[in-house]
């Protein structure tokens, strides 16, 4: 957010509070909680980085966008040093916004830590090394204290990692991207970002319906409107909220998280998009079970 954005939030909150009095901090907190999300909070601006917490002593992370920096700091604050940890990182693709947090991920510099970077791109290791090579970054990859390993996965094949079956799927995006389905004994999460869905490609739609099948949570690239995705921004490698609802309904998924927001959308626009998406789901639901819809924001925790 800019300073102007913050000022507008303060002004809006004060206008709403006009004439009220607050006895204590608890009353203030109650008032703030009653404000619309776009006034009291922000969706944030970090690029893609999602943690999946499972019944496993190791850490599972999807992508290493700029959100990897605060994630790494939180891990150090919680586990301390020295206290060796293992991190499994699943990379969707090699574009900068999904890798740029890795050089700022503090656990990579701590001896004793183990970091396994999983992905389906043959250039995975080279891409990680490249962004830390002069003149791009002041700290060379060779200075990492952690043991870093690379695991080249096979798309469509389940891999048993940290107590989960992890299945990558090829997606339509420049240079290819891969979604990941994580299945435990009783829960399933799909991470599917930077993926374009052509409206006339019925075979691909059917493949993703199977990929999303009965997932407890689908984290879905909803960057564009349907009109943008089907016209002016066709072939840009992203999808829309409308397609996310359609696929999740057809797959009988339980929860949809709108993800990878358009950077030009402010908090009001993203809040409006969420409301419109929920309304769309309601009017197209038919006799299917309701699909819960949330919009991702920095720090969001979804319990399954």
Protein backbone atom coordinates (compact mmCIF):
# COMPACT_ATOMS: atom_id res chain seq x y z
CA UNK A 1 0.00 0.00 0.00
CA UNK A 2 1.00 3.61 -0.51
CA UNK A 3 0.80 6.38 2.08
CA UNK A 4 -2.35 7.60 0.28
CA UNK A 5 -3.97 4.18 0.72
CA UNK A 6 -3.26 4.15 4.45
CA UNK A 7 -4.58 7.70 4.83
CA UNK A 8 -7.83 6.76 3.10
CA UNK A 9 -8.33 3.82 5.46
CA UNK A 10 -7.81 6.03 8.50
CA UNK A 11 -10.20 8.66 7.18
CA UNK A 12 -12.85 6.05 6.40
CA UNK A 13 -12.54 4.50 9.87
CA UNK A 14 -12.79 7.90 11.58
CA UNK A 15 -15.85 8.86 9.57
CA UNK A 16 -17.53 5.60 10.63
CA UNK A 17 -16.51 6.20 14.25
CA UNK A 18 -17.83 9.79 14.29
CA UNK A 19 -19.93 10.41 17.41
CA UNK A 20 -18.92 7.18 19.12
CA UNK A 21 -16.97 6.83 22.33
CA UNK A 22 -14.86 3.89 23.40
CA UNK A 23 -14.45 2.94 27.03
CA UNK A 24 -11.35 0.82 26.60
CA UNK A 25 -9.11 -0.96 24.13
CA UNK A 26 -11.47 -3.94 23.92
CA UNK A 27 -14.25 -1.63 22.70
CA UNK A 28 -11.92 -0.19 20.07
CA UNK A 29 -10.96 -3.66 18.90
CA UNK A 30 -14.63 -4.62 18.64
CA UNK A 31 -15.30 -1.55 16.51
CA UNK A 32 -12.34 -2.26 14.22
CA UNK A 33 -13.53 -5.85 13.80
CA UNK A 34 -16.89 -4.51 12.63
CA UNK A 35 -15.34 -2.48 9.81
CA UNK A 36 -15.17 -3.87 6.26
CA UNK A 37 -11.96 -5.79 5.55
CA UNK A 38 -10.94 -3.18 2.96
CA UNK A 39 -10.96 -0.52 5.68
CA UNK A 40 -9.54 -2.38 8.67
CA UNK A 41 -7.02 -4.58 6.88
CA UNK A 42 -5.20 -5.25 3.62
CA UNK A 43 -4.75 -8.21 1.33
CA UNK A 44 -1.04 -7.40 1.25
CA UNK A 45 1.51 -7.32 -1.48
CA UNK A 46 3.85 -10.29 -1.12
CA UNK A 47 4.21 -12.61 -4.09
CA UNK A 48 3.37 -16.31 -3.86
CA UNK A 49 4.47 -18.28 -0.81
CA UNK A 50 2.12 -20.73 0.94
CA UNK A 51 2.84 -23.06 3.85
CA UNK A 52 0.98 -26.34 4.32
CA UNK A 53 1.08 -27.57 7.92
CA UNK A 54 0.54 -31.31 8.13
CA UNK A 55 1.06 -34.02 10.73
CA UNK A 56 4.78 -34.02 10.03
CA UNK A 57 7.83 -32.60 11.85
CA UNK A 58 9.13 -31.11 8.60
CA UNK A 59 7.97 -27.95 6.83
CA UNK A 60 6.07 -27.86 3.52
CA UNK A 61 6.14 -24.68 1.41
CA UNK A 62 4.71 -23.89 -2.03
CA UNK A 63 6.77 -21.35 -3.98
CA UNK A 64 9.33 -18.89 -2.71
CA UNK A 65 7.93 -15.49 -3.63
CA UNK A 66 8.65 -12.45 -1.47
CA UNK A 67 6.44 -13.98 1.24
CA UNK A 68 9.33 -16.39 1.95
CA UNK A 69 11.14 -13.63 3.83
CA UNK A 70 8.57 -13.17 6.65
CA UNK A 71 7.97 -16.94 6.66
CA UNK A 72 11.67 -17.58 7.26
CA UNK A 73 11.76 -14.99 10.03
CA UNK A 74 8.74 -16.62 11.69
CA UNK A 75 10.44 -20.02 11.57
CA UNK A 76 13.60 -18.67 13.21
CA UNK A 77 11.53 -16.93 15.89
CA UNK A 78 9.63 -20.13 16.66
CA UNK A 79 12.36 -22.77 16.51
CA UNK A 80 15.46 -20.74 17.32
CA UNK A 81 19.07 -21.44 16.39
CA UNK A 82 20.65 -23.96 16.48
CA UNK A 83 17.70 -26.26 16.01
CA UNK A 84 18.05 -28.04 12.64
CA UNK A 85 14.89 -28.14 10.52
CA UNK A 86 13.95 -29.71 7.18
CA UNK A 87 12.09 -27.63 4.61
CA UNK A 88 10.35 -29.09 1.54
CA UNK A 89 9.79 -26.39 -1.09
CA UNK A 90 7.56 -27.10 -4.10
CA UNK A 91 8.20 -24.71 -6.98
CA UNK A 92 5.40 -24.09 -9.47
CA UNK A 93 7.64 -22.47 -12.08
CA UNK A 94 10.80 -20.45 -12.53
CA UNK A 95 9.51 -16.91 -12.98
CA UNK A 96 11.11 -14.37 -10.69
CA UNK A 97 8.04 -13.56 -8.58
CA UNK A 98 7.94 -17.19 -7.43
CA UNK A 99 11.67 -17.49 -6.64
CA UNK A 100 12.68 -14.02 -5.45
CA UNK A 101 12.15 -14.74 -1.75
CA UNK A 102 14.64 -17.59 -1.59
CA UNK A 103 17.77 -15.43 -1.15
CA UNK A 104 15.98 -13.73 1.79
CA UNK A 105 14.84 -17.01 3.41
CA UNK A 106 16.95 -16.95 6.57
CA UNK A 107 16.89 -20.73 7.26
CA UNK A 108 18.98 -21.29 4.12
CA UNK A 109 21.96 -19.59 5.75
CA UNK A 110 21.89 -21.65 8.97
CA UNK A 111 24.14 -24.75 9.15
CA UNK A 112 22.31 -27.92 10.07
CA UNK A 113 19.14 -27.04 8.19
CA UNK A 114 18.12 -29.17 5.20
CA UNK A 115 16.23 -27.67 2.28
CA UNK A 116 14.78 -29.90 -0.43
CA UNK A 117 13.58 -28.00 -3.48
CA UNK A 118 11.05 -30.04 -5.46
CA UNK A 119 9.95 -29.20 -8.98
CA UNK A 120 9.45 -30.45 -12.52
CA UNK A 121 11.67 -28.04 -14.46
CA UNK A 122 15.03 -29.41 -15.60
CA UNK A 123 16.53 -25.93 -15.03
CA UNK A 124 15.34 -25.76 -11.40
CA UNK A 125 18.77 -25.68 -9.75
CA UNK A 126 20.23 -23.33 -12.34
CA UNK A 127 17.37 -20.86 -11.85
CA UNK A 128 17.92 -20.80 -8.07
CA UNK A 129 21.66 -20.31 -8.48
CA UNK A 130 21.26 -17.68 -11.21
CA UNK A 131 19.33 -15.16 -9.11
CA UNK A 132 22.09 -15.27 -6.46
CA UNK A 133 24.89 -14.78 -8.96
CA UNK A 134 26.64 -11.41 -9.37
CA UNK A 135 25.53 -8.81 -10.33
CA UNK A 136 21.99 -9.92 -9.36
CA UNK A 137 22.58 -10.42 -5.63
CA UNK A 138 25.38 -9.63 -3.14
CA UNK A 139 25.38 -13.05 -1.44
CA UNK A 140 26.39 -15.99 -3.62
CA UNK A 141 24.52 -19.28 -3.50
CA UNK A 142 27.72 -20.99 -2.30
CA UNK A 143 27.44 -19.12 1.00
CA UNK A 144 24.31 -20.99 2.02
CA UNK A 145 24.87 -22.76 5.33
CA UNK A 146 22.01 -25.23 4.96
CA UNK A 147 22.26 -28.43 2.96
CA UNK A 148 20.29 -27.79 -0.23
CA UNK A 149 19.00 -30.65 -2.37
CA UNK A 150 17.03 -30.67 -5.62
CA UNK A 151 14.35 -33.22 -6.43
CA UNK A 152 13.17 -33.44 -10.03
CA UNK A 153 9.60 -34.76 -9.90
CA UNK A 154 7.59 -36.56 -12.58
CA UNK A 155 4.29 -34.86 -13.53
CA UNK A 156 1.23 -37.01 -12.93
CA UNK A 157 3.07 -39.37 -10.59
CA UNK A 158 2.35 -39.34 -6.84
CA UNK A 159 5.44 -38.84 -4.69
CA UNK A 160 5.33 -39.80 -0.99
CA UNK A 161 6.89 -36.88 0.89
CA UNK A 162 6.56 -36.06 4.57
CA UNK A 163 3.58 -38.35 5.05
CA UNK A 164 1.72 -36.93 2.04
CA UNK A 165 1.11 -38.09 -1.50
CA UNK A 166 2.20 -35.13 -3.63
CA UNK A 167 1.17 -35.16 -7.29
CA UNK A 168 2.39 -32.49 -9.73
CA UNK A 169 0.33 -31.49 -12.78
CA UNK A 170 1.45 -29.60 -15.88
CA UNK A 171 -0.37 -26.28 -16.36
CA UNK A 172 -0.64 -23.80 -19.23
CA UNK A 173 1.77 -20.93 -18.57
CA UNK A 174 4.79 -19.45 -20.35
CA UNK A 175 7.72 -21.78 -19.73
CA UNK A 176 5.30 -24.27 -18.14
CA UNK A 177 4.06 -24.29 -14.57
CA UNK A 178 2.99 -27.13 -12.30
CA UNK A 179 0.21 -27.40 -9.79
CA UNK A 180 0.53 -29.70 -6.78
CA UNK A 181 -2.06 -31.86 -5.04
CA UNK A 182 -1.27 -32.83 -1.45
CA UNK A 183 -3.20 -35.82 -0.09
CA UNK A 184 -3.07 -37.06 3.49
CA UNK A 185 -5.17 -39.90 4.86
CA UNK A 186 -8.23 -37.68 5.24
CA UNK A 187 -7.48 -34.23 3.78
CA UNK A 188 -6.43 -32.83 0.41
CA UNK A 189 -5.10 -29.46 -0.74
CA UNK A 190 -4.50 -28.32 -4.30
CA UNK A 191 -2.06 -25.50 -5.05
CA UNK A 192 -2.74 -24.33 -8.61
CA UNK A 193 -1.37 -20.93 -9.53
CA UNK A 194 -0.12 -19.40 -12.79
CA UNK A 195 -2.39 -21.60 -14.84
CA UNK A 196 -4.52 -20.56 -17.81
CA UNK A 197 -7.70 -22.43 -18.71
CA UNK A 198 -8.94 -22.15 -22.29
CA UNK A 199 -12.74 -22.14 -22.39
CA UNK A 200 -12.86 -24.35 -25.48
CA UNK A 201 -10.38 -26.96 -24.21
CA UNK A 202 -12.83 -29.50 -22.79
CA UNK A 203 -10.18 -32.19 -22.34
CA UNK A 204 -8.03 -29.91 -20.17
CA UNK A 205 -11.09 -28.87 -18.13
CA UNK A 206 -11.85 -32.52 -17.44
CA UNK A 207 -8.24 -33.13 -16.38
CA UNK A 208 -8.39 -30.30 -13.84
CA UNK A 209 -11.75 -31.44 -12.54
CA UNK A 210 -10.09 -34.78 -11.75
CA UNK A 211 -7.07 -32.98 -10.28
CA UNK A 212 -9.33 -30.92 -7.98
CA UNK A 213 -11.64 -33.86 -7.19
CA UNK A 214 -13.24 -33.44 -3.74
CA UNK A 215 -10.32 -31.34 -2.50
CA UNK A 216 -10.80 -29.76 0.91
CA UNK A 217 -9.07 -26.61 -0.37
CA UNK A 218 -8.13 -25.39 -3.85
CA UNK A 219 -5.73 -22.44 -3.99
CA UNK A 220 -6.51 -21.04 -7.42
CA UNK A 221 -5.07 -18.39 -9.73
CA UNK A 222 -7.87 -15.81 -10.07
CA UNK A 223 -5.81 -12.91 -11.34
CA UNK A 224 -8.08 -11.73 -14.15
CA UNK A 225 -11.75 -11.28 -14.87
CA UNK A 226 -13.26 -13.82 -17.25
CA UNK A 227 -13.46 -11.16 -19.97
CA UNK A 228 -9.75 -10.33 -19.60
CA UNK A 229 -8.68 -13.98 -19.49
CA UNK A 230 -10.67 -14.78 -22.62
CA UNK A 231 -9.72 -11.74 -24.69
CA UNK A 232 -7.10 -9.03 -24.18
CA UNK A 233 -5.04 -11.10 -21.71
CA UNK A 234 -5.50 -14.45 -23.39
CA UNK A 235 -2.24 -16.45 -23.44
CA UNK A 236 -0.87 -14.47 -20.46
CA UNK A 237 -0.97 -17.61 -18.34
CA UNK A 238 -3.53 -16.75 -15.67
CA UNK A 239 -7.16 -17.55 -14.91
CA UNK A 240 -10.25 -15.97 -13.36
CA UNK A 241 -12.58 -16.27 -10.39
CA UNK A 242 -15.38 -17.49 -12.67
CA UNK A 243 -13.35 -20.43 -13.98
CA UNK A 244 -12.23 -21.24 -10.42
CA UNK A 245 -15.85 -21.51 -9.28
CA UNK A 246 -16.83 -23.63 -12.29
CA UNK A 247 -13.95 -26.09 -11.86
CA UNK A 248 -14.40 -26.40 -8.09
CA UNK A 249 -18.14 -26.92 -8.39
CA UNK A 250 -17.66 -29.62 -11.02
CA UNK A 251 -14.98 -31.27 -8.85
CA UNK A 252 -17.10 -31.10 -5.67
CA UNK A 253 -14.28 -29.25 -3.91
CA UNK A 254 -15.15 -27.86 -0.47
CA UNK A 255 -13.27 -24.55 -0.35
CA UNK A 256 -11.80 -22.17 -2.95
CA UNK A 257 -9.12 -19.61 -2.15
CA UNK A 258 -8.78 -16.85 -4.76
CA UNK A 259 -5.04 -16.35 -5.20
CA UNK A 260 -2.35 -14.46 -7.17
CA UNK A 261 -4.26 -11.18 -7.18
CA UNK A 262 -3.94 -8.61 -9.94
CA UNK A 263 -1.42 -6.03 -8.56
CA UNK A 264 -3.45 -3.03 -9.80
CA UNK A 265 -6.47 -4.08 -7.71
CA UNK A 266 -6.70 -2.31 -4.36
CA UNK A 267 -8.36 -3.69 -1.22
CA UNK A 268 -11.79 -2.35 -2.20
CA UNK A 269 -11.63 -3.97 -5.62
CA UNK A 270 -10.48 -7.31 -4.19
CA UNK A 271 -13.23 -7.21 -1.55
CA UNK A 272 -15.79 -6.50 -4.27
CA UNK A 273 -14.40 -9.38 -6.37
CA UNK A 274 -14.78 -11.73 -3.41
CA UNK A 275 -18.40 -10.68 -2.86
CA UNK A 276 -19.18 -11.10 -6.57
CA UNK A 277 -17.56 -14.54 -6.63
CA UNK A 278 -19.59 -15.70 -3.64
CA UNK A 279 -22.75 -14.43 -5.31
CA UNK A 280 -21.81 -16.25 -8.53
CA UNK A 281 -21.32 -19.49 -6.61
CA UNK A 282 -24.69 -19.07 -4.95
CA UNK A 283 -26.68 -18.54 -8.14
CA UNK A 284 -24.90 -21.35 -10.04
CA UNK A 285 -24.85 -23.88 -7.20
CA UNK A 286 -27.96 -25.79 -8.15
CA UNK A 287 -28.38 -28.89 -6.00
CA UNK A 288 -24.65 -29.17 -5.25
CA UNK A 289 -23.16 -28.67 -1.79
CA UNK A 290 -22.09 -25.06 -1.11
CA UNK A 291 -18.55 -24.10 -2.11
CA UNK A 292 -16.91 -21.90 0.53
CA UNK A 293 -14.90 -19.07 -1.01
CA UNK A 294 -12.17 -16.96 0.59
CA UNK A 295 -9.70 -14.47 -0.82
CA UNK A 296 -6.05 -14.99 0.07
CA UNK A 297 -4.25 -12.31 2.04
CA UNK A 298 -0.88 -12.09 3.77
CA UNK A 299 -1.13 -14.09 6.99
CA UNK A 300 -4.38 -15.91 6.17
CA UNK A 301 -4.68 -19.24 8.00
CA UNK A 302 -7.17 -21.81 6.71
CA UNK A 303 -7.85 -24.78 9.00
CA UNK A 304 -9.14 -27.99 7.43
